Amino acid sequence: MTLQLDDDGTALSVTEGTAPSAAGGGLEILRYVYRPDNAQFESPRPYFEPLRDLAGHQVSLYRPHDHVWHKGITLSLPNAGPENFWGGATFRRGKGYVDEKNDGSMVHREFTELAADEDGVKTVERLDWITQDGRHFFSETRAFAVTVLSDDTWVLSFSTAFTNDTEDTVVMGSPTTEGRENAGYGGFFWRGPRSFTEGRVYTADGEGGDELMGVRGDWMAFRGAHDSVDAASTLVFTDHPENPGAPVKWFVRSTPFAAVCPAPFFDTELPMAPGDTVTLRHAVAIVNGDTGVDGAAKTAALAAAELAKLA
């Protein structure tokens, strides 16, 4: 299978040239919007949306009415010291959710690499994190790669390294580190389609649902069903063993909506001194069909191997 990479000045589109599409041409399996036009309250930042399996089924959701700052898959961090790079109100101990007018932006500066060949797609990007009041906060280098593994599986590998450019120690955390139980979200966050509600969650220990919130592991998968067609898709997420806190705790929901996030700061804060850099690496395999637990484990190993190739 061949992949094509196109850039319209606001987004990158990755198209698979042999899979069918409604328009009769190649199938767009991924769009990476790097110049978003979202409101400041949504913490404007790049996102992957839509995402589709190789049969053309969409496996992501954009700006759901319940959380408009959820956008497909995006790097989102709700508690970066005094700042919020998630969107919406910020959870503070003893106060609950408070609109602190602190929703920052992750601003695209340039791509230093854009490549598409027989091995897949790879990009490298520079970004700046800017606070809502206009101050430079962090600098970031991120990369992602797209590879097709088989007729029914492709992999998105993602890497980010962000550096504290302020003169203060910035404590990375989550609503849980601020006192809200089982709300340790923050990181490489996926929001699934409405039809994936009450889907099944697979781990190395078996399958379940919401009760798997906060479990540790190298990987986690989510199987959801599609409306109108007799079809399912499975997303298999992996966490790199050198990420902070590995094996990571997972933020996962199957109700009231589908969401998965390997959450490095789930219940443990990480202080970043001035000049410190945090590196996070993740992959997600998108599979047409229900892998089951055993299939998810095998797919996770393949996705981890692809992630290891992303420098």
Protein backbone atom coordinates (compact mmCIF):
# COMPACT_ATOMS: atom_id res chain seq x y z
CA MET A 1 0.00 0.00 0.00
CA THR A 2 1.20 3.49 -0.83
CA LEU A 3 0.69 6.65 1.21
CA GLN A 4 0.46 10.20 -0.09
CA LEU A 5 1.17 13.31 2.00
CA ASP A 6 -0.42 16.66 1.09
CA ASP A 7 -0.12 20.06 2.79
CA ASP A 8 -2.72 22.81 2.24
CA GLY A 9 -1.03 25.34 4.52
CA THR A 10 -3.21 24.58 7.55
CA ALA A 11 -3.30 20.78 7.66
CA LEU A 12 -1.46 17.68 6.47
CA SER A 13 -3.51 14.95 4.80
CA VAL A 14 -2.34 11.33 4.63
CA THR A 15 -4.11 9.32 1.93
CA GLU A 16 -3.92 5.60 1.28
CA GLY A 17 -3.89 5.06 -2.48
CA THR A 18 -5.52 1.63 -2.79
CA ALA A 19 -8.24 1.65 -0.12
CA PRO A 20 -11.73 2.61 -1.33
CA SER A 21 -13.31 5.97 -0.55
CA ALA A 22 -16.77 7.41 -1.03
CA ALA A 23 -15.38 9.78 -3.65
CA GLY A 24 -13.83 6.93 -5.59
CA GLY A 25 -10.22 8.03 -5.07
CA GLY A 26 -7.72 7.34 -2.33
CA LEU A 27 -8.85 7.19 1.29
CA GLU A 28 -7.79 9.93 3.71
CA ILE A 29 -6.86 7.96 6.81
CA LEU A 30 -5.50 10.91 8.78
CA ARG A 31 -5.62 14.69 8.77
CA TYR A 32 -3.26 16.64 11.01
CA VAL A 33 -4.51 20.19 11.55
CA TYR A 34 -1.47 22.23 12.58
CA ARG A 35 -3.02 25.71 12.26
CA PRO A 36 -6.34 25.38 14.14
CA ASP A 37 -8.88 28.21 14.24
CA ASN A 38 -10.46 27.27 17.57
CA ALA A 39 -11.50 29.70 20.30
CA GLN A 40 -8.94 30.45 23.02
CA PHE A 41 -11.13 28.71 25.62
CA GLU A 42 -10.49 25.48 23.70
CA SER A 43 -6.70 25.89 24.02
CA PRO A 44 -5.86 25.95 20.29
CA ARG A 45 -3.32 23.26 19.42
CA PRO A 46 -2.65 20.81 16.58
CA TYR A 47 -4.81 17.70 16.37
CA PHE A 48 -5.34 14.53 14.35
CA GLU A 49 -8.90 14.55 12.99
CA PRO A 50 -10.42 12.73 11.24
CA LEU A 51 -8.86 9.32 11.73
CA ARG A 52 -10.19 6.37 9.72
CA ASP A 53 -9.50 2.67 9.51
CA LEU A 54 -8.56 1.18 6.14
CA ALA A 55 -12.20 0.30 5.44
CA GLY A 56 -13.08 4.00 5.68
CA HIS A 57 -14.79 3.94 9.09
CA GLN A 58 -14.14 7.09 11.13
CA VAL A 59 -12.73 6.35 14.58
CA SER A 60 -12.52 9.86 16.07
CA LEU A 61 -14.75 12.75 17.13
CA TYR A 62 -14.29 16.52 16.80
CA ARG A 63 -15.57 19.16 19.26
CA PRO A 64 -18.23 17.05 21.02
CA HIS A 65 -20.84 19.24 22.68
CA ASP A 66 -19.94 17.93 26.13
CA HIS A 67 -16.22 18.77 25.82
CA VAL A 68 -15.57 21.05 22.84
CA TRP A 69 -11.82 20.97 23.51
CA HIS A 70 -11.73 17.23 22.67
CA LYS A 71 -10.47 16.89 19.08
CA GLY A 72 -9.72 13.46 17.65
CA ILE A 73 -6.25 12.73 19.02
CA THR A 74 -4.27 15.62 20.42
CA LEU A 75 -1.50 16.30 22.90
CA SER A 76 -3.39 17.93 25.76
CA LEU A 77 -2.11 18.87 29.22
CA PRO A 78 -4.59 20.38 31.69
CA ASN A 79 -2.24 21.18 34.58
CA ALA A 80 1.09 22.62 33.41
CA GLY A 81 1.93 24.59 36.54
CA PRO A 82 -0.34 27.65 36.47
CA GLU A 83 -1.25 27.11 32.81
CA ASN A 84 -3.78 24.95 30.96
CA PHE A 85 -2.98 23.44 27.55
CA TRP A 86 -6.08 21.25 27.51
CA GLY A 87 -8.91 23.74 27.22
CA GLY A 88 -11.84 24.70 29.38
CA ALA A 89 -11.73 25.35 33.11
CA THR A 90 -8.82 24.22 35.30
CA PHE A 91 -9.32 21.94 38.31
CA ARG A 92 -7.76 23.36 41.47
CA ARG A 93 -7.60 21.77 44.90
CA GLY A 94 -10.35 23.09 47.16
CA LYS A 95 -11.95 25.09 44.35
CA GLY A 96 -13.04 22.58 41.72
CA TYR A 97 -13.12 23.68 38.09
CA VAL A 98 -12.30 27.36 37.70
CA ASP A 99 -12.06 29.46 34.55
CA GLU A 100 -8.69 31.06 35.19
CA LYS A 101 -8.32 32.60 31.71
CA ASN A 102 -5.20 30.45 31.36
CA ASP A 103 -5.94 28.39 28.24
CA GLY A 104 -2.70 28.48 26.30
CA SER A 105 -1.92 27.63 22.67
CA MET A 106 0.54 25.25 21.01
CA VAL A 107 1.66 27.27 18.00
CA HIS A 108 3.14 25.70 14.87
CA ARG A 109 6.39 27.35 13.76
CA GLU A 110 7.75 25.11 11.00
CA PHE A 111 8.13 21.60 9.66
CA THR A 112 11.77 20.58 9.50
CA GLU A 113 10.91 17.32 7.74
CA LEU A 114 8.00 16.23 5.54
CA ALA A 115 8.57 12.90 3.82
CA ALA A 116 6.49 10.23 2.10
CA ASP A 117 7.99 7.14 0.47
CA GLU A 118 7.47 3.39 0.21
CA ASP A 119 8.10 3.06 3.95
CA GLY A 120 5.34 5.52 4.93
CA VAL A 121 5.07 9.13 6.07
CA LYS A 122 7.25 11.02 8.54
CA THR A 123 7.09 14.61 9.78
CA VAL A 124 9.12 16.67 12.26
CA GLU A 125 7.74 19.95 13.58
CA ARG A 126 8.77 22.83 15.84
CA LEU A 127 6.17 24.50 18.07
CA ASP A 128 6.00 27.13 20.80
CA TRP A 129 3.61 27.00 23.72
CA ILE A 130 2.16 30.45 24.38
CA THR A 131 0.11 31.36 27.45
CA GLN A 132 -3.28 33.03 27.09
CA ASP A 133 -1.73 36.34 28.14
CA GLY A 134 0.90 36.05 25.39
CA ARG A 135 4.02 34.79 27.20
CA HIS A 136 6.38 32.20 25.69
CA PHE A 137 6.19 29.14 27.96
CA PHE A 138 7.61 25.97 26.38
CA SER A 139 9.31 25.06 23.13
CA GLU A 140 8.55 21.69 21.54
CA THR A 141 9.83 19.37 18.87
CA ARG A 142 7.33 16.73 17.78
CA ALA A 143 7.41 14.03 15.16
CA PHE A 144 4.92 11.57 13.82
CA ALA A 145 5.05 8.71 11.36
CA VAL A 146 2.35 6.74 9.55
CA THR A 147 2.93 3.18 8.36
CA VAL A 148 0.60 0.54 6.93
CA LEU A 149 1.14 -2.91 8.42
CA SER A 150 -1.46 -4.95 6.53
CA ASP A 151 -4.72 -4.72 4.60
CA ASP A 152 -6.57 -3.92 7.83
CA THR A 153 -4.03 -2.17 10.10
CA TRP A 154 -2.05 1.06 10.07
CA VAL A 155 -0.01 2.75 12.80
CA LEU A 156 0.43 6.35 13.92
CA SER A 157 3.67 6.80 15.89
CA PHE A 158 4.05 10.04 17.86
CA SER A 159 6.94 11.65 19.73
CA THR A 160 7.17 14.95 21.57
CA ALA A 161 9.94 16.67 23.52
CA PHE A 162 8.91 19.88 25.30
CA THR A 163 11.26 22.17 27.21
CA ASN A 164 10.55 24.57 30.07
CA ASP A 165 11.72 27.94 28.78
CA THR A 166 10.53 29.90 31.81
CA GLU A 167 12.59 30.97 34.82
CA ASP A 168 10.37 28.97 37.19
CA THR A 169 9.88 25.30 38.01
CA VAL A 170 6.71 24.12 36.27
CA VAL A 171 4.91 21.22 37.95
CA MET A 172 3.17 18.91 35.49
CA GLY A 173 0.09 17.26 36.92
CA SER A 174 -3.59 16.49 36.40
CA PRO A 175 -6.94 17.07 38.07
CA THR A 176 -6.18 13.99 40.19
CA THR A 177 -2.94 15.48 41.52
CA GLU A 178 -5.12 18.51 42.40
CA GLY A 179 -7.54 16.30 44.35
CA ARG A 180 -10.13 14.96 41.90
CA GLU A 181 -10.24 11.17 42.12
CA ASN A 182 -9.76 9.13 38.92
CA ALA A 183 -9.43 12.19 36.70
CA GLY A 184 -5.76 11.86 35.83
CA TYR A 185 -6.19 12.77 32.17
CA GLY A 186 -3.51 14.58 30.23
CA GLY A 187 -1.19 13.54 27.41
CA PHE A 188 -1.85 11.77 24.11
CA PHE A 189 -5.66 11.89 24.34
CA TRP A 190 -8.16 10.19 22.01
CA ARG A 191 -11.90 10.87 21.89
CA GLY A 192 -13.94 8.20 20.11
CA PRO A 193 -17.16 8.41 18.08
CA ARG A 194 -20.53 8.47 19.83
CA SER A 195 -21.23 4.96 18.57
CA PHE A 196 -18.19 3.69 20.52
CA THR A 197 -19.94 4.42 23.83
CA GLU A 198 -20.04 1.22 25.92
CA GLY A 199 -17.28 -0.28 23.80
CA ARG A 200 -14.89 -2.87 25.21
CA VAL A 201 -11.43 -2.19 26.61
CA TYR A 202 -8.65 -4.75 26.16
CA THR A 203 -5.50 -5.05 28.29
CA ALA A 204 -2.87 -7.71 28.86
CA ASP A 205 -5.04 -8.99 31.73
CA GLY A 206 -8.28 -9.36 29.77
CA GLU A 207 -11.18 -7.09 28.87
CA GLY A 208 -13.53 -4.74 30.64
CA GLY A 209 -14.82 -1.20 30.69
CA ASP A 210 -14.80 1.80 33.01
CA GLU A 211 -13.43 -0.25 35.91
CA LEU A 212 -10.05 -0.25 34.13
CA MET A 213 -9.57 3.45 34.84
CA GLY A 214 -6.08 3.96 36.26
CA VAL A 215 -4.64 0.52 35.53
CA ARG A 216 -0.97 0.32 34.59
CA GLY A 217 0.32 -1.34 31.47
CA ASP A 218 2.40 -1.06 28.33
CA TRP A 219 -0.66 -1.00 26.09
CA MET A 220 -4.44 -0.63 26.04
CA ALA A 221 -6.98 -1.21 23.26
CA PHE A 222 -10.52 0.00 22.66
CA ARG A 223 -13.03 -1.80 20.43
CA GLY A 224 -16.05 0.14 19.23
CA ALA A 225 -18.96 -0.48 16.86
CA HIS A 226 -20.11 1.70 13.98
CA ASP A 227 -23.68 2.81 13.32
CA SER A 228 -25.45 1.94 10.04
CA VAL A 229 -23.02 -0.84 9.13
CA ASP A 230 -22.19 -4.18 10.70
CA ALA A 231 -18.62 -3.24 11.50
CA ALA A 232 -16.22 -2.59 14.35
CA SER A 233 -12.79 -1.02 14.74
CA THR A 234 -10.10 -1.48 17.36
CA LEU A 235 -7.56 1.14 18.42
CA VAL A 236 -4.46 -0.26 20.13
CA PHE A 237 -2.43 2.30 22.09
CA THR A 238 1.14 1.72 23.28
CA ASP A 239 3.32 3.64 25.72
CA HIS A 240 7.10 3.76 25.34
CA PRO A 241 8.95 2.08 28.25
CA GLU A 242 11.17 5.15 28.72
CA ASN A 243 8.26 7.57 29.19
CA PRO A 244 7.88 9.18 32.64
CA GLY A 245 6.17 6.84 35.09
CA ALA A 246 6.27 3.78 32.84
CA PRO A 247 4.44 1.48 32.91
CA VAL A 248 1.93 4.27 32.54
CA LYS A 249 -1.45 4.64 34.22
CA TRP A 250 -4.28 4.79 31.68
CA PHE A 251 -7.18 7.20 31.66
CA VAL A 252 -10.01 5.31 29.96
CA ARG A 253 -13.75 5.65 29.62
CA SER A 254 -16.31 3.59 27.77
CA THR A 255 -19.20 5.55 29.32
CA PRO A 256 -20.55 8.21 29.01
CA PHE A 257 -18.19 8.43 26.04
CA ALA A 258 -15.19 6.61 24.56
CA ALA A 259 -11.76 7.96 25.51
CA VAL A 260 -8.25 6.62 26.02
CA CYS A 261 -5.14 8.45 27.24
CA PRO A 262 -1.80 7.12 28.46
CA ALA A 263 -1.50 9.59 31.33
CA PRO A 264 2.07 10.10 32.61
CA PHE A 265 0.97 12.54 35.32
CA PHE A 266 -2.19 10.63 36.32
CA ASP A 267 -1.58 10.81 40.08
CA THR A 268 2.09 11.82 40.29
CA GLU A 269 3.42 15.31 39.70
CA LEU A 270 6.59 15.90 37.70
CA PRO A 271 8.50 19.13 38.45
CA MET A 272 10.25 20.63 35.42
CA ALA A 273 13.07 22.96 36.41
CA PRO A 274 14.01 25.76 34.00
CA GLY A 275 15.57 24.15 30.95
CA ASP A 276 14.23 20.66 31.69
CA THR A 277 12.81 18.63 28.80
CA VAL A 278 10.14 15.92 28.98
CA THR A 279 9.92 13.37 26.19
CA LEU A 280 6.78 11.32 25.50
CA ARG A 281 6.42 8.64 22.84
CA HIS A 282 3.25 6.78 21.93
CA ALA A 283 1.75 4.81 19.09
CA VAL A 284 -1.76 3.83 18.10
CA ALA A 285 -2.64 1.05 15.67
CA ILE A 286 -5.99 1.47 13.95
CA VAL A 287 -7.52 -1.85 12.96
CA ASN A 288 -10.56 -2.59 10.82
CA GLY A 289 -12.43 -5.18 12.90
CA ASP A 290 -12.43 -6.59 16.42
CA THR A 291 -8.98 -7.88 17.35
CA GLY A 292 -10.02 -9.44 20.64
CA VAL A 293 -7.57 -9.49 23.53
CA ASP A 294 -5.01 -11.80 21.91
CA GLY A 295 -5.08 -9.90 18.63
CA ALA A 296 -4.71 -6.61 20.47
CA ALA A 297 -1.63 -7.91 22.28
CA LYS A 298 -0.02 -8.96 19.00
CA THR A 299 -0.91 -5.63 17.40
CA ALA A 300 0.52 -3.73 20.37
CA ALA A 301 3.86 -5.48 19.85
CA LEU A 302 3.86 -4.49 16.18
CA ALA A 303 2.95 -0.89 17.03
CA ALA A 304 5.72 -0.74 19.64
CA ALA A 305 8.19 -1.88 16.99
CA GLU A 306 7.06 0.93 14.69
CA LEU A 307 7.35 3.46 17.51
CA ALA A 308 10.92 2.35 18.16
CA LYS A 309 11.81 3.44 14.61
CA LEU A 310 10.69 7.04 15.22
CA ALA A 311 13.79 8.98 16.18
